[in-house]
Amino acid sequence: MTGRSCATGSITLKSARRVSRWPRPTWCRWNWSMRELAALLVALLLLVPGSAQARADIVAAGIAEARNLGRVTVRWFGLPLYDAALYTERGARFSWQVPMALELAYRREISRERLVAATQSELERIEGRRRDHPVLLGKLGRCFRDVDPGDRVLAVARADDRVDFWFNGARLCEVRHGNLRKRFLGIWLSDNARSVGLSRRLRGQ
């Protein structure tokens, strides 16, 4: 009769009172409880694009049965700045007509002023300078906040001319402006984004 020990990675032969040393089994390397395993499985589901698991916080923000289409890490000279993830209502294929939410999970400290300046730079790069940029940037700037590592910003767009902003699970404000969904979220999601490859991955393409 044999018995296995995860603590030592040994097999004990009880009848002969001998201990045979074997490499420690892989399944013994961590002492997982069933609750911990269940939590890990849920976390993995949330990381899989197209997962059947809906994000409850994004559903609460107004995207029914929100499901992830894609996620990417945005870097600057190799340094990770933030992780971006796109969710659509019921996991619908990307289209500018479907309700969507873009989540940015920051890995570095960035000031509100730098976020506004970066938004202005990208809008001008994509659209050229427009007369309404000062007004639009003023509206967006009132919703932006300084961010630290671990902070999450959620931009929820359920209509063409409106984006609601959430910060670490709390609703901040809403911005209304002509064609705002496509103009603002297009910084990350359009084919004119700074990285077309990352944009397509975010869109699940």
Protein backbone atom coordinates (compact mmCIF):
# COMPACT_ATOMS: atom_id res chain seq x y z
CA MET A 1 0.00 0.00 0.00
CA THR A 2 1.36 3.42 -0.88
CA GLY A 3 0.79 6.98 0.29
CA ARG A 4 1.79 10.22 -1.38
CA SER A 5 3.18 13.27 0.34
CA CYS A 6 2.98 16.71 -1.26
CA ALA A 7 5.15 18.18 1.47
CA THR A 8 8.19 16.07 0.57
CA GLY A 9 7.40 14.72 -2.88
CA SER A 10 7.93 11.16 -1.64
CA ILE A 11 6.05 7.87 -1.90
CA THR A 12 5.89 5.76 1.26
CA LEU A 13 5.63 1.97 0.92
CA LYS A 14 3.80 1.19 4.14
CA SER A 15 4.20 -2.58 3.99
CA ALA A 16 7.98 -2.38 3.73
CA ARG A 17 8.35 0.82 5.78
CA ARG A 18 10.57 2.30 3.09
CA VAL A 19 10.54 5.71 1.49
CA SER A 20 11.20 6.04 -2.23
CA ARG A 21 12.23 9.51 -3.40
CA TRP A 22 10.63 10.77 -6.58
CA PRO A 23 10.51 14.22 -8.19
CA ARG A 24 7.85 16.26 -6.54
CA PRO A 25 4.61 15.91 -8.60
CA THR A 26 3.47 19.04 -10.43
CA TRP A 27 0.08 18.88 -8.78
CA CYS A 28 1.77 19.10 -5.37
CA ARG A 29 3.69 22.30 -5.91
CA TRP A 30 0.89 24.57 -4.68
CA ASN A 31 -1.58 23.88 -1.94
CA TRP A 32 -4.76 25.21 -3.57
CA SER A 33 -8.10 25.20 -1.79
CA MET A 34 -11.22 24.64 -3.86
CA ARG A 35 -12.24 28.25 -3.25
CA GLU A 36 -8.88 29.52 -4.52
CA LEU A 37 -9.10 27.31 -7.60
CA ALA A 38 -12.59 28.59 -8.36
CA ALA A 39 -11.41 32.20 -8.01
CA LEU A 40 -8.49 31.50 -10.35
CA LEU A 41 -10.79 30.00 -12.98
CA VAL A 42 -13.07 33.05 -12.82
CA ALA A 43 -10.06 35.35 -13.23
CA LEU A 44 -8.86 33.37 -16.24
CA LEU A 45 -12.29 33.60 -17.82
CA LEU A 46 -12.15 37.38 -17.52
CA LEU A 47 -8.84 37.39 -19.40
CA VAL A 48 -10.05 35.37 -22.38
CA PRO A 49 -11.39 37.44 -25.31
CA GLY A 50 -14.91 36.41 -26.22
CA SER A 51 -15.39 34.70 -22.87
CA ALA A 52 -18.93 33.80 -21.90
CA GLN A 53 -18.32 35.50 -18.55
CA ALA A 54 -19.77 39.02 -18.51
CA ARG A 55 -18.02 41.78 -16.54
CA ALA A 56 -20.49 42.79 -13.85
CA ASP A 57 -18.97 46.24 -13.33
CA ILE A 58 -19.19 47.06 -17.03
CA VAL A 59 -22.75 45.76 -17.17
CA ALA A 60 -23.53 48.10 -14.26
CA ALA A 61 -22.02 50.95 -16.30
CA GLY A 62 -24.63 50.39 -19.00
CA ILE A 63 -23.27 47.75 -21.41
CA ALA A 64 -25.71 44.83 -21.24
CA GLU A 65 -24.03 41.40 -21.01
CA ALA A 66 -20.67 43.05 -21.69
CA ARG A 67 -18.09 40.72 -23.17
CA ASN A 68 -14.50 41.29 -24.15
CA LEU A 69 -13.53 41.53 -27.81
CA GLY A 70 -9.81 42.13 -27.37
CA ARG A 71 -7.10 43.49 -25.10
CA VAL A 72 -3.63 44.91 -25.63
CA THR A 73 -0.78 46.49 -23.69
CA VAL A 74 0.22 49.96 -24.85
CA ARG A 75 3.95 50.68 -24.47
CA TRP A 76 6.22 53.69 -24.83
CA PHE A 77 9.76 52.77 -25.88
CA GLY A 78 9.14 49.29 -24.48
CA LEU A 79 7.75 50.46 -21.14
CA PRO A 80 4.14 49.43 -20.45
CA LEU A 81 1.88 52.46 -19.95
CA TYR A 82 -1.52 50.80 -19.66
CA ASP A 83 -3.60 47.80 -20.65
CA ALA A 84 -6.58 48.48 -22.91
CA ALA A 85 -9.63 46.23 -23.27
CA LEU A 86 -12.74 46.63 -25.41
CA TYR A 87 -16.18 45.34 -24.43
CA THR A 88 -19.36 45.33 -26.50
CA GLU A 89 -22.96 44.64 -25.67
CA ARG A 90 -23.56 40.86 -25.71
CA GLY A 91 -20.17 40.42 -27.35
CA ALA A 92 -21.36 41.91 -30.64
CA ARG A 93 -18.83 42.19 -33.44
CA PHE A 94 -17.16 45.60 -33.51
CA SER A 95 -19.08 48.37 -35.23
CA TRP A 96 -19.32 52.06 -34.47
CA GLN A 97 -23.08 51.57 -34.12
CA VAL A 98 -22.96 49.08 -31.20
CA PRO A 99 -22.79 50.09 -27.50
CA MET A 100 -19.23 49.64 -26.25
CA ALA A 101 -16.87 50.33 -23.38
CA LEU A 102 -13.11 50.89 -23.52
CA GLU A 103 -11.22 50.19 -20.30
CA LEU A 104 -7.72 51.55 -19.64
CA ALA A 105 -5.87 49.98 -16.71
CA TYR A 106 -2.85 52.15 -15.96
CA ARG A 107 0.57 50.82 -15.02
CA ARG A 108 2.27 54.18 -14.53
CA GLU A 109 1.57 57.53 -12.93
CA ILE A 110 0.34 60.08 -15.47
CA SER A 111 -0.96 63.55 -14.69
CA ARG A 112 -4.30 64.88 -15.87
CA GLU A 113 -2.51 67.58 -17.85
CA ARG A 114 -0.46 65.01 -19.77
CA LEU A 115 -3.60 63.00 -20.55
CA VAL A 116 -5.31 66.09 -21.96
CA ALA A 117 -2.21 67.03 -23.98
CA ALA A 118 -1.90 63.49 -25.37
CA THR A 119 -5.58 63.51 -26.35
CA GLN A 120 -5.15 66.84 -28.14
CA SER A 121 -2.08 65.55 -29.96
CA GLU A 122 -3.87 62.42 -31.16
CA LEU A 123 -7.01 64.30 -32.24
CA GLU A 124 -4.93 66.74 -34.27
CA ARG A 125 -2.86 63.92 -35.77
CA ILE A 126 -6.00 62.03 -36.89
CA GLU A 127 -8.34 64.92 -37.77
CA GLY A 128 -6.07 67.87 -38.32
CA ARG A 129 -6.79 71.02 -36.34
CA ARG A 130 -10.50 71.70 -35.97
CA ARG A 131 -12.29 74.74 -34.64
CA ASP A 132 -14.18 72.68 -32.07
CA HIS A 133 -11.08 71.09 -30.51
CA PRO A 134 -10.76 73.64 -27.67
CA VAL A 135 -14.40 73.08 -26.69
CA LEU A 136 -14.11 69.30 -26.95
CA LEU A 137 -10.85 69.18 -24.98
CA GLY A 138 -12.37 71.40 -22.31
CA LYS A 139 -15.24 68.95 -21.86
CA LEU A 140 -12.93 65.93 -21.76
CA GLY A 141 -10.48 67.66 -19.43
CA ARG A 142 -13.19 68.13 -16.82
CA CYS A 143 -13.60 64.34 -16.72
CA PHE A 144 -9.93 63.37 -16.69
CA ARG A 145 -8.04 62.67 -13.46
CA ASP A 146 -4.44 62.08 -12.44
CA VAL A 147 -3.83 58.33 -12.63
CA ASP A 148 -1.59 56.01 -10.62
CA PRO A 149 -0.59 52.38 -11.23
CA GLY A 150 -3.68 50.22 -10.75
CA ASP A 151 -6.21 52.94 -11.61
CA ARG A 152 -8.89 52.02 -14.15
CA VAL A 153 -10.70 54.40 -16.46
CA LEU A 154 -13.78 53.19 -18.31
CA ALA A 155 -15.21 55.11 -21.28
CA VAL A 156 -18.75 53.91 -22.00
CA ALA A 157 -20.29 54.87 -25.35
CA ARG A 158 -23.91 53.91 -25.90
CA ALA A 159 -24.71 56.69 -28.38
CA ASP A 160 -22.87 58.49 -31.17
CA ASP A 161 -22.58 61.81 -29.35
CA ARG A 162 -22.09 60.74 -25.73
CA VAL A 163 -19.38 59.08 -23.62
CA ASP A 164 -19.72 58.35 -19.89
CA PHE A 165 -16.52 58.18 -17.84
CA TRP A 166 -15.98 55.91 -14.84
CA PHE A 167 -12.95 55.92 -12.55
CA ASN A 168 -12.15 52.85 -10.43
CA GLY A 169 -15.77 51.75 -10.55
CA ALA A 170 -17.32 55.14 -9.73
CA ARG A 171 -19.09 57.26 -12.33
CA LEU A 172 -17.32 60.57 -12.95
CA CYS A 173 -19.23 62.45 -15.62
CA GLU A 174 -20.63 62.40 -19.12
CA VAL A 175 -19.46 64.27 -22.19
CA ARG A 176 -21.77 65.15 -25.07
CA HIS A 177 -20.33 66.31 -28.37
CA GLY A 178 -21.02 65.68 -32.05
CA ASN A 179 -19.78 62.25 -33.20
CA LEU A 180 -17.89 61.89 -29.92
CA ARG A 181 -17.89 58.10 -29.77
CA LYS A 182 -16.02 57.70 -33.04
CA ARG A 183 -13.79 60.74 -32.61
CA PHE A 184 -12.60 60.01 -29.06
CA LEU A 185 -12.55 56.21 -29.05
CA GLY A 186 -11.10 56.31 -32.56
CA ILE A 187 -7.80 57.27 -30.93
CA TRP A 188 -7.57 53.58 -29.96
CA LEU A 189 -10.05 51.83 -32.24
CA SER A 190 -9.85 53.35 -35.72
CA ASP A 191 -7.56 52.36 -38.58
CA ASN A 192 -5.97 55.78 -38.05
CA ALA A 193 -4.85 54.82 -34.55
CA ARG A 194 -1.14 55.17 -33.83
CA SER A 195 -0.77 51.37 -33.97
CA VAL A 196 -3.11 49.76 -36.50
CA GLY A 197 -2.11 46.30 -35.28
CA LEU A 198 -3.08 47.04 -31.67
CA SER A 199 -6.29 48.68 -32.84
CA ARG A 200 -7.33 45.60 -34.76
CA ARG A 201 -6.51 43.32 -31.85
CA LEU A 202 -8.63 45.49 -29.57
CA ARG A 203 -11.51 45.18 -32.04
CA GLY A 204 -11.12 41.41 -32.02
CA GLN A 205 -10.00 41.26 -35.64
